[in-house]
Structure formats: C-alpha cells, structure tokens
Amino acid sequence: MASALILAATAVVQSHLERPLLLLLDDPAAELDNDSLTRLMAAVVALGCQVIATSLDPDLVLFPEPPTMFHVEQGDVVEYTAKDSG
C-alpha cells in the first residue's frame, strides 16, 4: 500500500528533525475503503505531525480528536462547525 510507505518515510524523516513535519493529504477518502481510511488516519495521528487534509466529504476524514476545519468556497475561507453542516 502506497500510503503505508509514505507514512513510514514520513516517520523516518520526522525522527531526524527537531520540529514536526507538516503532512498534506489530498482527499484520502477518495480511494480508500472505510477500514483502510480508519487505519490511515490512526497512523497519521500517531506520527504527531501537523496535518492538512482536503476532502469533498469532511465527515469521511475521521480524526480521534475533533480537528479545526475550514470550508473554502469562491475564495472565502470560514471555519467549519457542526452547525454549518446542517
């Protein structure tokens, strides 16, 4: 699995740095089933790095702790909250 190799490489690089990495995930839910996505997100959290993830469906990108989420539409960026989703 390509994502496992990327995570392993990220962990190796991060272990040699004095500061955490920034990991960019472009719609990880697009090509993974729910089980694989759950394992990926758990592994990402275990890395302890800052993560920016894009998603067409933010409910699919699950983190153990509620993340800070933003919605971008027509150039405007606003913080996404539960009340915005309904």
PDB file of N, CA and C in Angstrom:
ATOM      1  N   MET A   1       0.842  -1.172   0.000  1.00  0.00           N
ATOM      2  CA  MET A   1       0.000   0.000   0.000  1.00  0.00           C
ATOM      3  C   MET A   1       0.889   1.238   0.000  1.00  0.00           C
ATOM      4  N   ALA A   2       0.644   2.132  -0.942  1.00  0.00           N
ATOM      5  CA  ALA A   2       1.467   3.331  -1.104  1.00  0.00           C
ATOM      6  C   ALA A   2       1.395   4.231   0.123  1.00  0.00           C
ATOM      7  N   SER A   3       0.220   4.343   0.733  1.00  0.00           N
ATOM      8  CA  SER A   3       0.101   5.225   1.897  1.00  0.00           C
ATOM      9  C   SER A   3       0.946   4.722   3.069  1.00  0.00           C
ATOM     10  N   ALA A   4       1.096   3.413   3.212  1.00  0.00           N
ATOM     11  CA  ALA A   4       1.939   2.867   4.279  1.00  0.00           C
ATOM     12  C   ALA A   4       3.395   3.250   4.057  1.00  0.00           C
ATOM     13  N   LEU A   5       3.854   3.214   2.816  1.00  0.00           N
ATOM     14  CA  LEU A   5       5.229   3.618   2.516  1.00  0.00           C
ATOM     15  C   LEU A   5       5.445   5.100   2.772  1.00  0.00           C
ATOM     16  N   ILE A   6       4.479   5.918   2.397  1.00  0.00           N
ATOM     17  CA  ILE A   6       4.589   7.361   2.639  1.00  0.00           C
ATOM     18  C   ILE A   6       4.632   7.647   4.131  1.00  0.00           C
ATOM     19  N   LEU A   7       3.791   6.973   4.907  1.00  0.00           N
ATOM     20  CA  LEU A   7       3.795   7.169   6.352  1.00  0.00           C
ATOM     21  C   LEU A   7       5.102   6.711   6.979  1.00  0.00           C
ATOM     22  N   ALA A   8       5.637   5.607   6.503  1.00  0.00           N
ATOM     23  CA  ALA A   8       6.919   5.119   7.023  1.00  0.00           C
ATOM     24  C   ALA A   8       8.033   6.107   6.710  1.00  0.00           C
ATOM     25  N   ALA A   9       8.062   6.619   5.496  1.00  0.00           N
ATOM     26  CA  ALA A   9       9.076   7.611   5.121  1.00  0.00           C
ATOM     27  C   ALA A   9       8.920   8.882   5.948  1.00  0.00           C
ATOM     28  N   THR A  10       7.689   9.284   6.181  1.00  0.00           N
ATOM     29  CA  THR A  10       7.419  10.466   6.989  1.00  0.00           C
ATOM     30  C   THR A  10       7.933  10.270   8.407  1.00  0.00           C
ATOM     31  N   ALA A  11       7.708   9.120   8.983  1.00  0.00           N
ATOM     32  CA  ALA A  11       8.169   8.831  10.345  1.00  0.00           C
ATOM     33  C   ALA A  11       9.689   8.862  10.425  1.00  0.00           C
ATOM     34  N   VAL A  12      10.371   8.325   9.419  1.00  0.00           N
ATOM     35  CA  VAL A  12      11.840   8.330   9.411  1.00  0.00           C
ATOM     36  C   VAL A  12      12.367   9.755   9.320  1.00  0.00           C
ATOM     37  N   VAL A  13      11.822  10.528   8.407  1.00  0.00           N
ATOM     38  CA  VAL A  13      12.270  11.920   8.255  1.00  0.00           C
ATOM     39  C   VAL A  13      12.005  12.701   9.526  1.00  0.00           C
ATOM     40  N   GLN A  14      10.807  12.548  10.081  1.00  0.00           N
ATOM     41  CA  GLN A  14      10.460  13.296  11.286  1.00  0.00           C
ATOM     42  C   GLN A  14      11.368  12.941  12.455  1.00  0.00           C
ATOM     43  N   SER A  15      11.814  11.696  12.537  1.00  0.00           N
ATOM     44  CA  SER A  15      12.685  11.290  13.648  1.00  0.00           C
ATOM     45  C   SER A  15      14.051  11.975  13.584  1.00  0.00           C
ATOM     46  N   HIS A  16      14.414  12.509  12.418  1.00  0.00           N
ATOM     47  CA  HIS A  16      15.702  13.186  12.258  1.00  0.00           C
ATOM     48  C   HIS A  16      15.588  14.709  12.321  1.00  0.00           C
ATOM     49  N   LEU A  17      14.410  15.220  12.486  1.00  0.00           N
ATOM     50  CA  LEU A  17      14.205  16.660  12.541  1.00  0.00           C
ATOM     51  C   LEU A  17      13.945  17.112  13.969  1.00  0.00           C
ATOM     52  N   GLU A  18      14.201  18.383  14.211  1.00  0.00           N
ATOM     53  CA  GLU A  18      13.948  18.935  15.536  1.00  0.00           C
ATOM     54  C   GLU A  18      12.539  19.503  15.664  1.00  0.00           C
ATOM     55  N   ARG A  19      11.813  19.516  14.576  1.00  0.00           N
ATOM     56  CA  ARG A  19      10.442  20.034  14.618  1.00  0.00           C
ATOM     57  C   ARG A  19       9.520  19.087  13.859  1.00  0.00           C
ATOM     58  N   PRO A  20       8.236  19.116  14.165  1.00  0.00           N
ATOM     59  CA  PRO A  20       7.297  18.222  13.480  1.00  0.00           C
ATOM     60  C   PRO A  20       7.110  18.602  12.019  1.00  0.00           C
ATOM     61  N   LEU A  21       6.791  17.611  11.236  1.00  0.00           N
ATOM     62  CA  LEU A  21       6.505  17.825   9.827  1.00  0.00           C
ATOM     63  C   LEU A  21       5.083  18.319   9.633  1.00  0.00           C
ATOM     64  N   LEU A  22       4.840  18.836   8.445  1.00  0.00           N
ATOM     65  CA  LEU A  22       3.501  19.161   8.001  1.00  0.00           C
ATOM     66  C   LEU A  22       3.156  18.141   6.933  1.00  0.00           C
ATOM     67  N   LEU A  23       2.104  17.368   7.157  1.00  0.00           N
ATOM     68  CA  LEU A  23       1.691  16.325   6.228  1.00  0.00           C
ATOM     69  C   LEU A  23       0.460  16.805   5.473  1.00  0.00           C
ATOM     70  N   LEU A  24       0.510  16.757   4.142  1.00  0.00           N
ATOM     71  CA  LEU A  24      -0.610  17.162   3.303  1.00  0.00           C
ATOM     72  C   LEU A  24      -1.281  15.922   2.735  1.00  0.00           C
ATOM     73  N   LEU A  25      -2.570  15.793   2.950  1.00  0.00           N
ATOM     74  CA  LEU A  25      -3.338  14.664   2.427  1.00  0.00           C
ATOM     75  C   LEU A  25      -4.407  15.208   1.489  1.00  0.00           C
ATOM     76  N   ASP A  26      -4.353  14.801   0.239  1.00  0.00           N
ATOM     77  CA  ASP A  26      -5.327  15.263  -0.746  1.00  0.00           C
ATOM     78  C   ASP A  26      -6.440  14.234  -0.894  1.00  0.00           C
ATOM     79  N   ASP A  27      -7.552  14.495  -0.263  1.00  0.00           N
ATOM     80  CA  ASP A  27      -8.754  13.659  -0.299  1.00  0.00           C
ATOM     81  C   ASP A  27      -8.447  12.170  -0.097  1.00  0.00           C
ATOM     82  N   PRO A  28      -7.927  11.822   1.085  1.00  0.00           N
ATOM     83  CA  PRO A  28      -7.569  10.413   1.330  1.00  0.00           C
ATOM     84  C   PRO A  28      -8.752   9.468   1.249  1.00  0.00           C
ATOM     85  N   ALA A  29      -9.960   9.963   1.454  1.00  0.00           N
ATOM     86  CA  ALA A  29     -11.146   9.101   1.405  1.00  0.00           C
ATOM     87  C   ALA A  29     -11.530   8.710  -0.013  1.00  0.00           C
ATOM     88  N   ALA A  30     -10.965   9.376  -0.996  1.00  0.00           N
ATOM     89  CA  ALA A  30     -11.380   9.149  -2.381  1.00  0.00           C
ATOM     90  C   ALA A  30     -11.043   7.747  -2.878  1.00  0.00           C
ATOM     91  N   GLU A  31      -9.943   7.171  -2.407  1.00  0.00           N
ATOM     92  CA  GLU A  31      -9.507   5.889  -2.958  1.00  0.00           C
ATOM     93  C   GLU A  31      -9.362   4.785  -1.923  1.00  0.00           C
ATOM     94  N   LEU A  32      -9.836   5.041  -0.707  1.00  0.00           N
ATOM     95  CA  LEU A  32      -9.688   4.038   0.347  1.00  0.00           C
ATOM     96  C   LEU A  32     -11.058   3.593   0.853  1.00  0.00           C
ATOM     97  N   ASP A  33     -11.160   2.319   1.207  1.00  0.00           N
ATOM     98  CA  ASP A  33     -12.391   1.868   1.854  1.00  0.00           C
ATOM     99  C   ASP A  33     -12.368   2.355   3.310  1.00  0.00           C
ATOM    100  N   ASN A  34     -13.478   2.234   4.009  1.00  0.00           N
ATOM    101  CA  ASN A  34     -13.586   2.773   5.371  1.00  0.00           C
ATOM    102  C   ASN A  34     -12.559   2.192   6.328  1.00  0.00           C
ATOM    103  N   ASP A  35     -12.311   0.888   6.234  1.00  0.00           N
ATOM    104  CA  ASP A  35     -11.347   0.235   7.121  1.00  0.00           C
ATOM    105  C   ASP A  35      -9.938   0.773   6.880  1.00  0.00           C
ATOM    106  N   SER A  36      -9.543   0.877   5.618  1.00  0.00           N
ATOM    107  CA  SER A  36      -8.209   1.403   5.277  1.00  0.00           C
ATOM    108  C   SER A  36      -8.083   2.860   5.676  1.00  0.00           C
ATOM    109  N   LEU A  37      -9.140   3.632   5.483  1.00  0.00           N
ATOM    110  CA  LEU A  37      -9.118   5.044   5.849  1.00  0.00           C
ATOM    111  C   LEU A  37      -8.969   5.210   7.362  1.00  0.00           C
ATOM    112  N   THR A  38      -9.665   4.381   8.119  1.00  0.00           N
ATOM    113  CA  THR A  38      -9.560   4.429   9.579  1.00  0.00           C
ATOM    114  C   THR A  38      -8.141   4.122  10.036  1.00  0.00           C
ATOM    115  N   ARG A  39      -7.522   3.095   9.449  1.00  0.00           N
ATOM    116  CA  ARG A  39      -6.137   2.753   9.794  1.00  0.00           C
ATOM    117  C   ARG A  39      -5.178   3.866   9.393  1.00  0.00           C
ATOM    118  N   LEU A  40      -5.393   4.458   8.210  1.00  0.00           N
ATOM    119  CA  LEU A  40      -4.530   5.552   7.758  1.00  0.00           C
ATOM    120  C   LEU A  40      -4.607   6.736   8.714  1.00  0.00           C
ATOM    121  N   MET A  41      -5.813   7.129   9.090  1.00  0.00           N
ATOM    122  CA  MET A  41      -5.958   8.292   9.963  1.00  0.00           C
ATOM    123  C   MET A  41      -5.348   8.024  11.336  1.00  0.00           C
ATOM    124  N   ALA A  42      -5.476   6.810  11.846  1.00  0.00           N
ATOM    125  CA  ALA A  42      -4.849   6.464  13.125  1.00  0.00           C
ATOM    126  C   ALA A  42      -3.326   6.543  13.015  1.00  0.00           C
ATOM    127  N   ALA A  43      -2.776   6.075  11.904  1.00  0.00           N
ATOM    128  CA  ALA A  43      -1.323   6.134  11.698  1.00  0.00           C
ATOM    129  C   ALA A  43      -0.845   7.578  11.551  1.00  0.00           C
ATOM    130  N   VAL A  44      -1.624   8.399  10.878  1.00  0.00           N
ATOM    131  CA  VAL A  44      -1.268   9.813  10.725  1.00  0.00           C
ATOM    132  C   VAL A  44      -1.234  10.502  12.088  1.00  0.00           C
ATOM    133  N   VAL A  45      -2.236  10.252  12.904  1.00  0.00           N
ATOM    134  CA  VAL A  45      -2.283  10.845  14.240  1.00  0.00           C
ATOM    135  C   VAL A  45      -1.084  10.373  15.073  1.00  0.00           C
ATOM    136  N   ALA A  46      -0.722   9.101  14.940  1.00  0.00           N
ATOM    137  CA  ALA A  46       0.404   8.553  15.700  1.00  0.00           C
ATOM    138  C   ALA A  46       1.729   9.220  15.339  1.00  0.00           C
ATOM    139  N   LEU A  47       1.823   9.768  14.138  1.00  0.00           N
ATOM    140  CA  LEU A  47       3.053  10.472  13.742  1.00  0.00           C
ATOM    141  C   LEU A  47       3.272  11.736  14.556  1.00  0.00           C
ATOM    142  N   GLY A  48       2.190  12.339  15.011  1.00  0.00           N
ATOM    143  CA  GLY A  48       2.313  13.540  15.818  1.00  0.00           C
ATOM    144  C   GLY A  48       2.667  14.785  15.019  1.00  0.00           C
ATOM    145  N   CYS A  49       2.420  14.781  13.736  1.00  0.00           N
ATOM    146  CA  CYS A  49       2.738  15.951  12.926  1.00  0.00           C
ATOM    147  C   CYS A  49       1.464  16.735  12.622  1.00  0.00           C
ATOM    148  N   GLN A  50       1.665  17.956  12.160  1.00  0.00           N
ATOM    149  CA  GLN A  50       0.524  18.759  11.762  1.00  0.00           C
ATOM    150  C   GLN A  50       0.000  18.233  10.431  1.00  0.00           C
ATOM    151  N   VAL A  51      -1.321  18.196  10.262  1.00  0.00           N
ATOM    152  CA  VAL A  51      -1.924  17.617   9.066  1.00  0.00           C
ATOM    153  C   VAL A  51      -2.887  18.614   8.435  1.00  0.00           C
ATOM    154  N   ILE A  52      -2.761  18.761   7.137  1.00  0.00           N
ATOM    155  CA  ILE A  52      -3.764  19.472   6.347  1.00  0.00           C
ATOM    156  C   ILE A  52      -4.331  18.446   5.385  1.00  0.00           C
ATOM    157  N   ALA A  53      -5.635  18.210   5.489  1.00  0.00           N
ATOM    158  CA  ALA A  53      -6.298  17.223   4.637  1.00  0.00           C
ATOM    159  C   ALA A  53      -7.434  17.891   3.879  1.00  0.00           C
ATOM    160  N   THR A  54      -7.482  17.641   2.586  1.00  0.00           N
ATOM    161  CA  THR A  54      -8.615  18.112   1.793  1.00  0.00           C
ATOM    162  C   THR A  54      -9.604  16.971   1.668  1.00  0.00           C
ATOM    163  N   SER A  55     -10.869  17.326   1.515  1.00  0.00           N
ATOM    164  CA  SER A  55     -11.880  16.285   1.344  1.00  0.00           C
ATOM    165  C   SER A  55     -13.143  16.881   0.752  1.00  0.00           C
ATOM    166  N   LEU A  56     -13.750  16.145  -0.157  1.00  0.00           N
ATOM    167  CA  LEU A  56     -15.045  16.554  -0.675  1.00  0.00           C
ATOM    168  C   LEU A  56     -16.143  16.275   0.344  1.00  0.00           C
ATOM    169  N   ASP A  57     -15.892  15.317   1.247  1.00  0.00           N
ATOM    170  CA  ASP A  57     -16.837  14.988   2.308  1.00  0.00           C
ATOM    171  C   ASP A  57     -16.084  14.956   3.637  1.00  0.00           C
ATOM    172  N   PRO A  58     -16.093  16.059   4.392  1.00  0.00           N
ATOM    173  CA  PRO A  58     -15.299  16.110   5.629  1.00  0.00           C
ATOM    174  C   PRO A  58     -15.707  15.084   6.670  1.00  0.00           C
ATOM    175  N   ASP A  59     -16.907  14.536   6.574  1.00  0.00           N
ATOM    176  CA  ASP A  59     -17.331  13.521   7.537  1.00  0.00           C
ATOM    177  C   ASP A  59     -16.590  12.199   7.345  1.00  0.00           C
ATOM    178  N   LEU A  60     -15.945  12.008   6.194  1.00  0.00           N
ATOM    179  CA  LEU A  60     -15.216  10.767   5.937  1.00  0.00           C
ATOM    180  C   LEU A  60     -13.794  10.782   6.487  1.00  0.00           C
ATOM    181  N   VAL A  61     -13.227  11.954   6.681  1.00  0.00           N
ATOM    182  CA  VAL A  61     -11.850  12.060   7.179  1.00  0.00           C
ATOM    183  C   VAL A  61     -11.930  12.171   8.697  1.00  0.00           C
ATOM    184  N   LEU A  62     -11.797  11.038   9.352  1.00  0.00           N
ATOM    185  CA  LEU A  62     -12.003  10.963  10.784  1.00  0.00           C
ATOM    186  C   LEU A  62     -10.692  11.048  11.557  1.00  0.00           C
ATOM    187  N   PHE A  63     -10.657  11.935  12.531  1.00  0.00           N
ATOM    188  CA  PHE A  63      -9.529  12.037  13.451  1.00  0.00           C
ATOM    189  C   PHE A  63     -10.045  11.711  14.837  1.00  0.00           C
ATOM    190  N   PRO A  64      -9.197  11.168  15.714  1.00  0.00           N
ATOM    191  CA  PRO A  64      -9.654  10.827  17.064  1.00  0.00           C
ATOM    192  C   PRO A  64     -10.148  12.041  17.839  1.00  0.00           C
ATOM    193  N   GLU A  65      -9.498  13.181  17.663  1.00  0.00           N
ATOM    194  CA  GLU A  65      -9.926  14.415  18.304  1.00  0.00           C
ATOM    195  C   GLU A  65     -10.537  15.304  17.231  1.00  0.00           C
ATOM    196  N   PRO A  66     -11.523  16.091  17.577  1.00  0.00           N
ATOM    197  CA  PRO A  66     -12.108  16.967  16.563  1.00  0.00           C
ATOM    198  C   PRO A  66     -11.067  17.946  16.018  1.00  0.00           C
ATOM    199  N   PRO A  67     -10.869  17.951  14.725  1.00  0.00           N
ATOM    200  CA  PRO A  67      -9.890  18.863  14.141  1.00  0.00           C
ATOM    201  C   PRO A  67     -10.488  20.250  13.931  1.00  0.00           C
ATOM    202  N   THR A  68      -9.634  21.220  13.710  1.00  0.00           N
ATOM    203  CA  THR A  68     -10.100  22.516  13.252  1.00  0.00           C
ATOM    204  C   THR A  68     -10.302  22.390  11.754  1.00  0.00           C
ATOM    205  N   MET A  69     -11.495  22.700  11.304  1.00  0.00           N
ATOM    206  CA  MET A  69     -11.813  22.517   9.886  1.00  0.00           C
ATOM    207  C   MET A  69     -12.230  23.853   9.275  1.00  0.00           C
ATOM    208  N   PHE A  70     -11.881  23.998   7.998  1.00  0.00           N
ATOM    209  CA  PHE A  70     -12.241  25.204   7.267  1.00  0.00           C
ATOM    210  C   PHE A  70     -12.941  24.820   5.979  1.00  0.00           C
ATOM    211  N   HIS A  71     -13.834  25.668   5.556  1.00  0.00           N
ATOM    212  CA  HIS A  71     -14.568  25.466   4.308  1.00  0.00           C
ATOM    213  C   HIS A  71     -14.160  26.601   3.362  1.00  0.00           C
ATOM    214  N   VAL A  72     -13.801  26.247   2.136  1.00  0.00           N
ATOM    215  CA  VAL A  72     -13.411  27.239   1.141  1.00  0.00           C
ATOM    216  C   VAL A  72     -14.435  27.202   0.013  1.00  0.00           C
ATOM    217  N   GLU A  73     -15.010  28.361  -0.267  1.00  0.00           N
ATOM    218  CA  GLU A  73     -15.974  28.446  -1.359  1.00  0.00           C
ATOM    219  C   GLU A  73     -15.852  29.811  -2.012  1.00  0.00           C
ATOM    220  N   GLN A  74     -15.591  29.806  -3.303  1.00  0.00           N
ATOM    221  CA  GLN A  74     -15.448  31.019  -4.093  1.00  0.00           C
ATOM    222  C   GLN A  74     -14.461  32.001  -3.470  1.00  0.00           C
ATOM    223  N   GLY A  75     -13.355  31.469  -2.983  1.00  0.00           N
ATOM    224  CA  GLY A  75     -12.286  32.292  -2.436  1.00  0.00           C
ATOM    225  C   GLY A  75     -12.452  32.706  -0.989  1.00  0.00           C
ATOM    226  N   ASP A  76     -13.581  32.419  -0.369  1.00  0.00           N
ATOM    227  CA  ASP A  76     -13.788  32.752   1.033  1.00  0.00           C
ATOM    228  C   ASP A  76     -13.466  31.539   1.899  1.00  0.00           C
ATOM    229  N   VAL A  77     -12.747  31.780   2.993  1.00  0.00           N
ATOM    230  CA  VAL A  77     -12.378  30.720   3.925  1.00  0.00           C
ATOM    231  C   VAL A  77     -13.066  31.005   5.254  1.00  0.00           C
ATOM    232  N   VAL A  78     -13.849  30.035   5.711  1.00  0.00           N
ATOM    233  CA  VAL A  78     -14.530  30.177   7.000  1.00  0.00           C
ATOM    234  C   VAL A  78     -14.330  28.902   7.807  1.00  0.00           C
ATOM    235  N   GLU A  79     -14.289  29.050   9.124  1.00  0.00           N
ATOM    236  CA  GLU A  79     -14.166  27.869   9.976  1.00  0.00           C
ATOM    237  C   GLU A  79     -15.441  27.062   9.893  1.00  0.00           C
ATOM    238  N   TYR A  80     -15.299  25.757   9.730  1.00  0.00           N
ATOM    239  CA  TYR A  80     -16.413  24.825   9.588  1.00  0.00           C
ATOM    240  C   TYR A  80     -16.780  24.320  10.966  1.00  0.00           C
ATOM    241  N   THR A  81     -18.043  24.461  11.334  1.00  0.00           N
ATOM    242  CA  THR A  81     -18.508  23.933  12.624  1.00  0.00           C
ATOM    243  C   THR A  81     -19.724  23.052  12.371  1.00  0.00           C
ATOM    244  N   ALA A  82     -20.110  22.296  13.385  1.00  0.00           N
ATOM    245  CA  ALA A  82     -21.227  21.362  13.241  1.00  0.00           C
ATOM    246  C   ALA A  82     -22.501  22.071  12.808  1.00  0.00           C
ATOM    247  N   LYS A  83     -22.730  23.285  13.300  1.00  0.00           N
ATOM    248  CA  LYS A  83     -23.955  23.989  12.936  1.00  0.00           C
ATOM    249  C   LYS A  83     -23.965  24.379  11.465  1.00  0.00           C
ATOM    250  N   ASP A  84     -22.739  24.507  10.834  1.00  0.00           N
ATOM    251  CA  ASP A  84     -22.668  24.834   9.406  1.00  0.00           C
ATOM    252  C   ASP A  84     -23.066  23.668   8.533  1.00  0.00           C
ATOM    253  N   SER A  85     -22.976  22.446   9.065  1.00  0.00           N
ATOM    254  CA  SER A  85     -23.202  21.254   8.241  1.00  0.00           C
ATOM    255  C   SER A  85     -24.680  20.964   8.012  1.00  0.00           C
ATOM    256  N   GLY A  86     -25.575  21.566   8.777  1.00  0.00           N
ATOM    257  CA  GLY A  86     -26.977  21.246   8.653  1.00  0.00           C
ATOM    258  C   GLY A  86     -27.703  22.298   7.962  1.00  0.00           C
TER     259      GLY A  86
END
